[in-house]
Amino acid sequence: MRPAPKAVLLKALNEYSFAMDEAALFLDTHPDNQEALSYFKNAVNMRKAAMNAYEQQYGPLFSENVTADRWNWVTETWPWEGEE
């Protein structure tokens, strides 16, 4: 059984977020490492792309990304209600 596109995008967001956090921790102790800095920047760009793809298909993940003319958080299924 293949995961739904929503689940695939959320998994990608988690993976890129994790990569960013790990690279940031490494850069804390190796601030001049250009390879690590490049890796971090790539992870940031990939996370932004995944976030944009998710939000175009499913709406905002964070309140600061709401662009609708009304507060629409309550129109979606709540996490504990499961998928439709």
C-alpha atoms as a PDB file:
ATOM      1  CA  MET A   1       0.000   0.000   0.000  1.00  0.00           C
ATOM      2  CA  ARG A   2       1.473   3.322  -1.074  1.00  0.00           C
ATOM      3  CA  PRO A   3       1.346   6.298   1.301  1.00  0.00           C
ATOM      4  CA  ALA A   4      -0.906   9.176   0.359  1.00  0.00           C
ATOM      5  CA  PRO A   5       0.776  12.208  -1.229  1.00  0.00           C
ATOM      6  CA  LYS A   6       0.005  14.144   1.959  1.00  0.00           C
ATOM      7  CA  ALA A   7       1.940  11.619   4.020  1.00  0.00           C
ATOM      8  CA  VAL A   8       4.809  11.659   1.526  1.00  0.00           C
ATOM      9  CA  LEU A   9       5.086  15.444   1.743  1.00  0.00           C
ATOM     10  CA  LEU A  10       4.933  15.429   5.547  1.00  0.00           C
ATOM     11  CA  LYS A  11       7.644  12.760   5.635  1.00  0.00           C
ATOM     12  CA  ALA A  12       9.827  14.874   3.344  1.00  0.00           C
ATOM     13  CA  LEU A  13       9.275  17.914   5.576  1.00  0.00           C
ATOM     14  CA  ASN A  14      10.321  15.906   8.622  1.00  0.00           C
ATOM     15  CA  GLU A  15      13.407  14.567   6.866  1.00  0.00           C
ATOM     16  CA  TYR A  16      14.553  17.976   5.628  1.00  0.00           C
ATOM     17  CA  SER A  17      13.857  19.548   9.030  1.00  0.00           C
ATOM     18  CA  PHE A  18      15.921  16.831  10.698  1.00  0.00           C
ATOM     19  CA  ALA A  19      18.750  17.341   8.191  1.00  0.00           C
ATOM     20  CA  MET A  20      18.706  21.082   8.893  1.00  0.00           C
ATOM     21  CA  ASP A  21      18.836  20.550  12.661  1.00  0.00           C
ATOM     22  CA  GLU A  22      21.677  18.034  12.428  1.00  0.00           C
ATOM     23  CA  ALA A  23      23.691  20.234  10.073  1.00  0.00           C
ATOM     24  CA  ALA A  24      23.128  23.246  12.336  1.00  0.00           C
ATOM     25  CA  LEU A  25      24.432  21.303  15.335  1.00  0.00           C
ATOM     26  CA  PHE A  26      27.496  20.233  13.355  1.00  0.00           C
ATOM     27  CA  LEU A  27      28.076  23.798  12.181  1.00  0.00           C
ATOM     28  CA  ASP A  28      27.990  24.972  15.807  1.00  0.00           C
ATOM     29  CA  THR A  29      31.266  23.121  16.340  1.00  0.00           C
ATOM     30  CA  HIS A  30      32.625  23.350  12.769  1.00  0.00           C
ATOM     31  CA  PRO A  31      31.628  26.854  11.611  1.00  0.00           C
ATOM     32  CA  ASP A  32      34.152  26.974   8.751  1.00  0.00           C
ATOM     33  CA  ASN A  33      33.128  23.677   7.150  1.00  0.00           C
ATOM     34  CA  GLN A  34      31.939  24.702   3.691  1.00  0.00           C
ATOM     35  CA  GLU A  35      30.616  21.247   2.820  1.00  0.00           C
ATOM     36  CA  ALA A  36      28.386  21.260   5.904  1.00  0.00           C
ATOM     37  CA  LEU A  37      27.225  24.793   5.160  1.00  0.00           C
ATOM     38  CA  SER A  38      26.347  23.787   1.610  1.00  0.00           C
ATOM     39  CA  TYR A  39      24.481  20.733   2.949  1.00  0.00           C
ATOM     40  CA  PHE A  40      22.550  22.951   5.367  1.00  0.00           C
ATOM     41  CA  LYS A  41      21.598  25.438   2.645  1.00  0.00           C
ATOM     42  CA  ASN A  42      20.449  22.602   0.386  1.00  0.00           C
ATOM     43  CA  ALA A  43      18.309  21.149   3.185  1.00  0.00           C
ATOM     44  CA  VAL A  44      16.769  24.600   3.768  1.00  0.00           C
ATOM     45  CA  ASN A  45      15.896  24.937   0.078  1.00  0.00           C
ATOM     46  CA  MET A  46      14.488  21.412  -0.129  1.00  0.00           C
ATOM     47  CA  ARG A  47      12.369  22.000   2.992  1.00  0.00           C
ATOM     48  CA  LYS A  48      11.017  25.246   1.530  1.00  0.00           C
ATOM     49  CA  ALA A  49      10.097  23.439  -1.691  1.00  0.00           C
ATOM     50  CA  ALA A  50       8.380  20.628   0.223  1.00  0.00           C
ATOM     51  CA  MET A  51       6.538  23.160   2.399  1.00  0.00           C
ATOM     52  CA  ASN A  52       5.337  25.059  -0.666  1.00  0.00           C
ATOM     53  CA  ALA A  53       4.189  21.841  -2.342  1.00  0.00           C
ATOM     54  CA  TYR A  54       2.316  20.772   0.792  1.00  0.00           C
ATOM     55  CA  GLU A  55       0.649  24.147   1.310  1.00  0.00           C
ATOM     56  CA  GLN A  56      -0.438  24.401  -2.330  1.00  0.00           C
ATOM     57  CA  GLN A  57      -2.187  21.032  -2.085  1.00  0.00           C
ATOM     58  CA  TYR A  58      -3.388  20.912   1.514  1.00  0.00           C
ATOM     59  CA  GLY A  59      -3.242  24.394   2.995  1.00  0.00           C
ATOM     60  CA  PRO A  60      -0.998  25.958   5.620  1.00  0.00           C
ATOM     61  CA  LEU A  61       0.801  23.929   8.265  1.00  0.00           C
ATOM     62  CA  PHE A  62       1.520  26.942  10.463  1.00  0.00           C
ATOM     63  CA  SER A  63      -0.700  29.854  11.424  1.00  0.00           C
ATOM     64  CA  GLU A  64       1.771  32.404  10.037  1.00  0.00           C
ATOM     65  CA  ASN A  65       1.241  30.912   6.568  1.00  0.00           C
ATOM     66  CA  VAL A  66      -2.529  31.455   6.445  1.00  0.00           C
ATOM     67  CA  THR A  67      -3.316  33.503   3.352  1.00  0.00           C
ATOM     68  CA  ALA A  68      -7.086  33.052   3.116  1.00  0.00           C
ATOM     69  CA  ASP A  69      -9.513  35.857   3.832  1.00  0.00           C
ATOM     70  CA  ARG A  70     -10.865  33.883   6.782  1.00  0.00           C
ATOM     71  CA  TRP A  71      -9.489  31.710   9.545  1.00  0.00           C
ATOM     72  CA  ASN A  72      -9.881  28.258   8.033  1.00  0.00           C
ATOM     73  CA  TRP A  73      -8.216  25.904  10.500  1.00  0.00           C
ATOM     74  CA  VAL A  74     -11.561  24.449  11.601  1.00  0.00           C
ATOM     75  CA  THR A  75     -12.601  23.443   8.072  1.00  0.00           C
ATOM     76  CA  GLU A  76     -10.067  20.601   7.931  1.00  0.00           C
ATOM     77  CA  THR A  77     -10.193  17.207   9.611  1.00  0.00           C
ATOM     78  CA  TRP A  78      -8.624  17.293  13.066  1.00  0.00           C
ATOM     79  CA  PRO A  79      -5.682  14.903  13.543  1.00  0.00           C
ATOM     80  CA  TRP A  80      -7.578  12.694  16.006  1.00  0.00           C
ATOM     81  CA  GLU A  81     -10.521  12.357  13.601  1.00  0.00           C
ATOM     82  CA  GLY A  82      -8.460  10.465  11.016  1.00  0.00           C
ATOM     83  CA  GLU A  83      -8.563  10.839   7.263  1.00  0.00           C
ATOM     84  CA  GLU A  84     -11.828  11.182   5.409  1.00  0.00           C
END
